[in-house]
PDB file of all heavy atoms in Angstrom:
ATOM      1  N   ARG A   1      -2.336  -2.374  -4.879  1.00  0.00           N
ATOM      2  CA  ARG A   1      -3.354  -3.117  -5.602  1.00  0.00           C
ATOM      3  C   ARG A   1      -3.871  -2.341  -6.785  1.00  0.00           C
ATOM      4  O   ARG A   1      -3.877  -1.123  -6.700  1.00  0.00           O
ATOM      5  CB  ARG A   1      -4.482  -3.593  -4.700  1.00  0.00           C
ATOM      6  CG  ARG A   1      -5.325  -2.451  -4.206  1.00  0.00           C
ATOM      7  CD  ARG A   1      -6.343  -2.971  -3.129  1.00  0.00           C
ATOM      8  NE  ARG A   1      -7.307  -1.915  -2.681  1.00  0.00           N
ATOM      9  CZ  ARG A   1      -8.250  -2.157  -1.770  1.00  0.00           C
ATOM     10  NH1 ARG A   1      -8.343  -3.279  -1.184  1.00  0.00           N
ATOM     11  NH2 ARG A   1      -8.989  -1.175  -1.464  1.00  0.00           N
ATOM     12  N   GLN A   2      -4.332  -3.163  -7.771  1.00  0.00           N
ATOM     13  CA  GLN A   2      -4.853  -2.449  -8.988  1.00  0.00           C
ATOM     14  C   GLN A   2      -6.116  -3.324  -9.381  1.00  0.00           C
ATOM     15  O   GLN A   2      -6.033  -4.424  -9.732  1.00  0.00           O
ATOM     16  CB  GLN A   2      -3.810  -2.575 -10.122  1.00  0.00           C
ATOM     17  CG  GLN A   2      -4.223  -1.784 -11.359  1.00  0.00           C
ATOM     18  CD  GLN A   2      -3.095  -1.456 -12.277  1.00  0.00           C
ATOM     19  OE1 GLN A   2      -2.040  -2.218 -12.191  1.00  0.00           O
ATOM     20  NE2 GLN A   2      -3.228  -0.604 -13.158  1.00  0.00           N
ATOM     21  N   ALA A   3      -7.169  -2.561  -9.358  1.00  0.00           N
ATOM     22  CA  ALA A   3      -8.428  -3.176  -9.823  1.00  0.00           C
ATOM     23  C   ALA A   3      -8.566  -2.990 -11.367  1.00  0.00           C
ATOM     24  O   ALA A   3      -7.966  -1.994 -11.875  1.00  0.00           O
ATOM     25  CB  ALA A   3      -9.636  -2.540  -9.084  1.00  0.00           C
ATOM     26  N   PRO A   4      -9.436  -3.721 -12.007  1.00  0.00           N
ATOM     27  CA  PRO A   4      -9.560  -3.555 -13.426  1.00  0.00           C
ATOM     28  C   PRO A   4      -9.940  -2.113 -13.851  1.00  0.00           C
ATOM     29  O   PRO A   4     -10.953  -1.572 -13.243  1.00  0.00           O
ATOM     30  CB  PRO A   4     -10.680  -4.523 -13.792  1.00  0.00           C
ATOM     31  CG  PRO A   4     -10.611  -5.594 -12.735  1.00  0.00           C
ATOM     32  CD  PRO A   4     -10.168  -4.842 -11.493  1.00  0.00           C
ATOM     33  N   GLY A   5      -9.309  -1.560 -14.783  1.00  0.00           N
ATOM     34  CA  GLY A   5      -9.542  -0.251 -15.296  1.00  0.00           C
ATOM     35  C   GLY A   5      -9.144   0.907 -14.353  1.00  0.00           C
ATOM     36  O   GLY A   5      -9.503   2.043 -14.586  1.00  0.00           O
ATOM     37  N   LYS A   6      -8.480   0.568 -13.209  1.00  0.00           N
ATOM     38  CA  LYS A   6      -8.128   1.658 -12.298  1.00  0.00           C
ATOM     39  C   LYS A   6      -6.623   1.717 -12.083  1.00  0.00           C
ATOM     40  O   LYS A   6      -5.842   0.834 -12.522  1.00  0.00           O
ATOM     41  CB  LYS A   6      -8.777   1.311 -10.891  1.00  0.00           C
ATOM     42  CG  LYS A   6     -10.341   1.451 -11.030  1.00  0.00           C
ATOM     43  CD  LYS A   6     -10.877   1.331  -9.557  1.00  0.00           C
ATOM     44  CE  LYS A   6     -12.355   1.599  -9.630  1.00  0.00           C
ATOM     45  NZ  LYS A   6     -13.053   1.511  -8.279  1.00  0.00           N
ATOM     46  N   GLN A   7      -6.127   2.737 -11.435  1.00  0.00           N
ATOM     47  CA  GLN A   7      -4.729   2.861 -11.151  1.00  0.00           C
ATOM     48  C   GLN A   7      -4.296   1.949 -10.056  1.00  0.00           C
ATOM     49  O   GLN A   7      -5.077   1.484  -9.262  1.00  0.00           O
ATOM     50  CB  GLN A   7      -4.421   4.368 -10.857  1.00  0.00           C
ATOM     51  CG  GLN A   7      -4.974   4.842  -9.583  1.00  0.00           C
ATOM     52  CD  GLN A   7      -4.694   6.319  -9.211  1.00  0.00           C
ATOM     53  OE1 GLN A   7      -4.449   7.118 -10.156  1.00  0.00           O
ATOM     54  NE2 GLN A   7      -4.792   6.741  -8.132  1.00  0.00           N
ATOM     55  N   ARG A   8      -2.977   1.899 -10.082  1.00  0.00           N
ATOM     56  CA  ARG A   8      -2.411   1.035  -8.918  1.00  0.00           C
ATOM     57  C   ARG A   8      -2.387   1.898  -7.674  1.00  0.00           C
ATOM     58  O   ARG A   8      -1.775   2.969  -7.685  1.00  0.00           O
ATOM     59  CB  ARG A   8      -1.030   0.562  -9.234  1.00  0.00           C
ATOM     60  CG  ARG A   8      -0.381  -0.472  -8.310  1.00  0.00           C
ATOM     61  CD  ARG A   8       0.924  -0.985  -8.846  1.00  0.00           C
ATOM     62  NE  ARG A   8       0.785  -1.764 -10.114  1.00  0.00           N
ATOM     63  CZ  ARG A   8       1.720  -2.393 -10.655  1.00  0.00           C
ATOM     64  NH1 ARG A   8       2.917  -2.533 -10.073  1.00  0.00           N
ATOM     65  NH2 ARG A   8       1.457  -3.005 -11.857  1.00  0.00           N
ATOM     66  N   ASP A   9      -2.930   1.397  -6.536  1.00  0.00           N
ATOM     67  CA  ASP A   9      -3.056   2.150  -5.345  1.00  0.00           C
ATOM     68  C   ASP A   9      -2.244   1.509  -4.197  1.00  0.00           C
ATOM     69  O   ASP A   9      -2.062   0.299  -4.120  1.00  0.00           O
ATOM     70  CB  ASP A   9      -4.573   2.271  -4.840  1.00  0.00           C
ATOM     71  CG  ASP A   9      -5.348   3.087  -5.782  1.00  0.00           C
ATOM     72  OD1 ASP A   9      -4.863   4.060  -6.323  1.00  0.00           O
ATOM     73  OD2 ASP A   9      -6.549   2.749  -5.899  1.00  0.00           O
ATOM     74  N   PHE A  10      -1.635   2.392  -3.362  1.00  0.00           N
ATOM     75  CA  PHE A  10      -0.978   1.908  -2.161  1.00  0.00           C
ATOM     76  C   PHE A  10      -1.947   1.241  -1.121  1.00  0.00           C
ATOM     77  O   PHE A  10      -3.021   1.747  -1.000  1.00  0.00           O
ATOM     78  CB  PHE A  10      -0.358   3.100  -1.493  1.00  0.00           C
ATOM     79  CG  PHE A  10       0.282   2.811  -0.133  1.00  0.00           C
ATOM     80  CD1 PHE A  10       1.542   2.213  -0.079  1.00  0.00           C
ATOM     81  CD2 PHE A  10      -0.257   3.318   0.943  1.00  0.00           C
ATOM     82  CE1 PHE A  10       2.067   2.025   1.145  1.00  0.00           C
ATOM     83  CE2 PHE A  10       0.336   3.097   2.246  1.00  0.00           C
ATOM     84  CZ  PHE A  10       1.506   2.414   2.352  1.00  0.00           C
ATOM     85  N   VAL A  11      -1.371   0.187  -0.544  1.00  0.00           N
ATOM     86  CA  VAL A  11      -2.221  -0.570   0.450  1.00  0.00           C
ATOM     87  C   VAL A  11      -1.509  -0.385   1.837  1.00  0.00           C
ATOM     88  O   VAL A  11      -2.151   0.084   2.761  1.00  0.00           O
ATOM     89  CB  VAL A  11      -2.371  -2.038   0.068  1.00  0.00           C
ATOM     90  CG1 VAL A  11      -3.058  -2.732   1.245  1.00  0.00           C
ATOM     91  CG2 VAL A  11      -3.146  -2.141  -1.170  1.00  0.00           C
ATOM     92  N   ALA A  12      -0.288  -0.865   1.916  1.00  0.00           N
ATOM     93  CA  ALA A  12       0.460  -0.728   3.141  1.00  0.00           C
ATOM     94  C   ALA A  12       1.948  -1.018   2.936  1.00  0.00           C
ATOM     95  O   ALA A  12       2.296  -1.553   1.874  1.00  0.00           O
ATOM     96  CB  ALA A  12      -0.091  -1.797   4.160  1.00  0.00           C
ATOM     97  N   SER A  13       2.715  -0.506   3.902  1.00  0.00           N
ATOM     98  CA  SER A  13       4.144  -0.761   3.804  1.00  0.00           C
ATOM     99  C   SER A  13       4.791  -0.867   5.207  1.00  0.00           C
ATOM    100  O   SER A  13       4.165  -0.436   6.172  1.00  0.00           O
ATOM    101  CB  SER A  13       4.841   0.417   3.006  1.00  0.00           C
ATOM    102  OG  SER A  13       4.818   1.587   3.777  1.00  0.00           O
ATOM    103  N   ILE A  14       5.987  -1.469   5.243  1.00  0.00           N
ATOM    104  CA  ILE A  14       6.640  -1.634   6.465  1.00  0.00           C
ATOM    105  C   ILE A  14       8.152  -1.675   6.284  1.00  0.00           C
ATOM    106  O   ILE A  14       8.591  -2.274   5.207  1.00  0.00           O
ATOM    107  CB  ILE A  14       6.179  -2.991   7.079  1.00  0.00           C
ATOM    108  CG1 ILE A  14       6.885  -3.202   8.531  1.00  0.00           C
ATOM    109  CG2 ILE A  14       6.431  -4.219   6.235  1.00  0.00           C
ATOM    110  CD1 ILE A  14       6.286  -4.389   9.353  1.00  0.00           C
ATOM    111  N   THR A  15       8.853  -0.916   7.108  1.00  0.00           N
ATOM    112  CA  THR A  15      10.367  -0.878   6.946  1.00  0.00           C
ATOM    113  C   THR A  15      10.986  -2.051   7.765  1.00  0.00           C
ATOM    114  O   THR A  15      10.328  -2.855   8.486  1.00  0.00           O
ATOM    115  CB  THR A  15      10.864   0.443   7.566  1.00  0.00           C
ATOM    116  OG1 THR A  15      10.690   0.440   8.950  1.00  0.00           O
ATOM    117  CG2 THR A  15      10.176   1.634   6.931  1.00  0.00           C
ATOM    118  N   THR A  16      12.259  -2.241   7.491  1.00  0.00           N
ATOM    119  CA  THR A  16      12.974  -3.266   8.247  1.00  0.00           C
ATOM    120  C   THR A  16      12.960  -2.992   9.681  1.00  0.00           C
ATOM    121  O   THR A  16      13.091  -4.003  10.501  1.00  0.00           O
ATOM    122  CB  THR A  16      14.383  -3.354   7.742  1.00  0.00           C
ATOM    123  OG1 THR A  16      15.020  -2.094   7.620  1.00  0.00           O
ATOM    124  CG2 THR A  16      14.559  -4.109   6.403  1.00  0.00           C
ATOM    125  N   SER A  17      12.826  -1.802  10.151  1.00  0.00           N
ATOM    126  CA  SER A  17      12.712  -1.517  11.596  1.00  0.00           C
ATOM    127  C   SER A  17      11.283  -1.573  12.167  1.00  0.00           C
ATOM    128  O   SER A  17      11.033  -1.427  13.324  1.00  0.00           O
ATOM    129  CB  SER A  17      13.257  -0.063  11.869  1.00  0.00           C
ATOM    130  OG  SER A  17      12.508   0.880  11.120  1.00  0.00           O
ATOM    131  N   GLY A  18      10.362  -1.952  11.259  1.00  0.00           N
ATOM    132  CA  GLY A  18       8.982  -2.210  11.792  1.00  0.00           C
ATOM    133  C   GLY A  18       8.007  -1.023  11.652  1.00  0.00           C
ATOM    134  O   GLY A  18       6.830  -1.242  12.000  1.00  0.00           O
ATOM    135  N   SER A  19       8.429   0.026  11.183  1.00  0.00           N
ATOM    136  CA  SER A  19       7.566   1.198  11.022  1.00  0.00           C
ATOM    137  C   SER A  19       6.562   0.914   9.815  1.00  0.00           C
ATOM    138  O   SER A  19       6.985   0.481   8.754  1.00  0.00           O
ATOM    139  CB  SER A  19       8.301   2.470  10.655  1.00  0.00           C
ATOM    140  OG  SER A  19       9.147   2.804  11.782  1.00  0.00           O
ATOM    141  N   THR A  20       5.349   1.167  10.123  1.00  0.00           N
ATOM    142  CA  THR A  20       4.229   0.846   9.049  1.00  0.00           C
ATOM    143  C   THR A  20       3.510   2.044   8.650  1.00  0.00           C
ATOM    144  O   THR A  20       3.450   3.052   9.325  1.00  0.00           O
ATOM    145  CB  THR A  20       3.221  -0.153   9.686  1.00  0.00           C
ATOM    146  OG1 THR A  20       2.571   0.383  10.787  1.00  0.00           O
ATOM    147  CG2 THR A  20       3.994  -1.492  10.027  1.00  0.00           C
ATOM    148  N   SER A  21       2.974   1.967   7.503  1.00  0.00           N
ATOM    149  CA  SER A  21       2.096   2.859   6.931  1.00  0.00           C
ATOM    150  C   SER A  21       0.976   2.174   6.163  1.00  0.00           C
ATOM    151  O   SER A  21       1.198   1.128   5.533  1.00  0.00           O
ATOM    152  CB  SER A  21       2.825   3.789   5.916  1.00  0.00           C
ATOM    153  OG  SER A  21       2.008   4.790   5.413  1.00  0.00           O
ATOM    154  N   ASP A  22      -0.238   2.646   6.266  1.00  0.00           N
ATOM    155  CA  ASP A  22      -1.323   1.984   5.513  1.00  0.00           C
ATOM    156  C   ASP A  22      -2.371   2.911   5.062  1.00  0.00           C
ATOM    157  O   ASP A  22      -2.553   3.988   5.536  1.00  0.00           O
ATOM    158  CB  ASP A  22      -1.954   0.891   6.421  1.00  0.00           C
ATOM    159  CG  ASP A  22      -2.338   1.435   7.771  1.00  0.00           C
ATOM    160  OD1 ASP A  22      -3.425   2.008   7.905  1.00  0.00           O
ATOM    161  OD2 ASP A  22      -1.549   1.311   8.758  1.00  0.00           O
ATOM    162  N   ALA A  23      -3.040   2.515   4.010  1.00  0.00           N
ATOM    163  CA  ALA A  23      -4.061   3.347   3.346  1.00  0.00           C
ATOM    164  C   ALA A  23      -5.323   3.208   4.215  1.00  0.00           C
ATOM    165  O   ALA A  23      -5.665   2.227   4.859  1.00  0.00           O
ATOM    166  CB  ALA A  23      -4.298   2.858   1.899  1.00  0.00           C
ATOM    167  N   ASP A  24      -6.190   4.184   3.971  1.00  0.00           N
ATOM    168  CA  ASP A  24      -7.526   4.265   4.707  1.00  0.00           C
ATOM    169  C   ASP A  24      -8.364   3.076   4.323  1.00  0.00           C
ATOM    170  O   ASP A  24      -9.145   2.518   5.136  1.00  0.00           O
ATOM    171  CB  ASP A  24      -8.217   5.583   4.347  1.00  0.00           C
ATOM    172  CG  ASP A  24      -7.652   6.723   5.157  1.00  0.00           C
ATOM    173  OD1 ASP A  24      -6.775   6.494   6.057  1.00  0.00           O
ATOM    174  OD2 ASP A  24      -7.881   7.904   4.678  1.00  0.00           O
TER     175      ASP A  24
END
């Protein structure tokens, strides 16, 4: 996600095998 005037930040991801990662 990218808010106005800010850098693009990671939110969450998931692999085809279902492993997830997410931001605080």
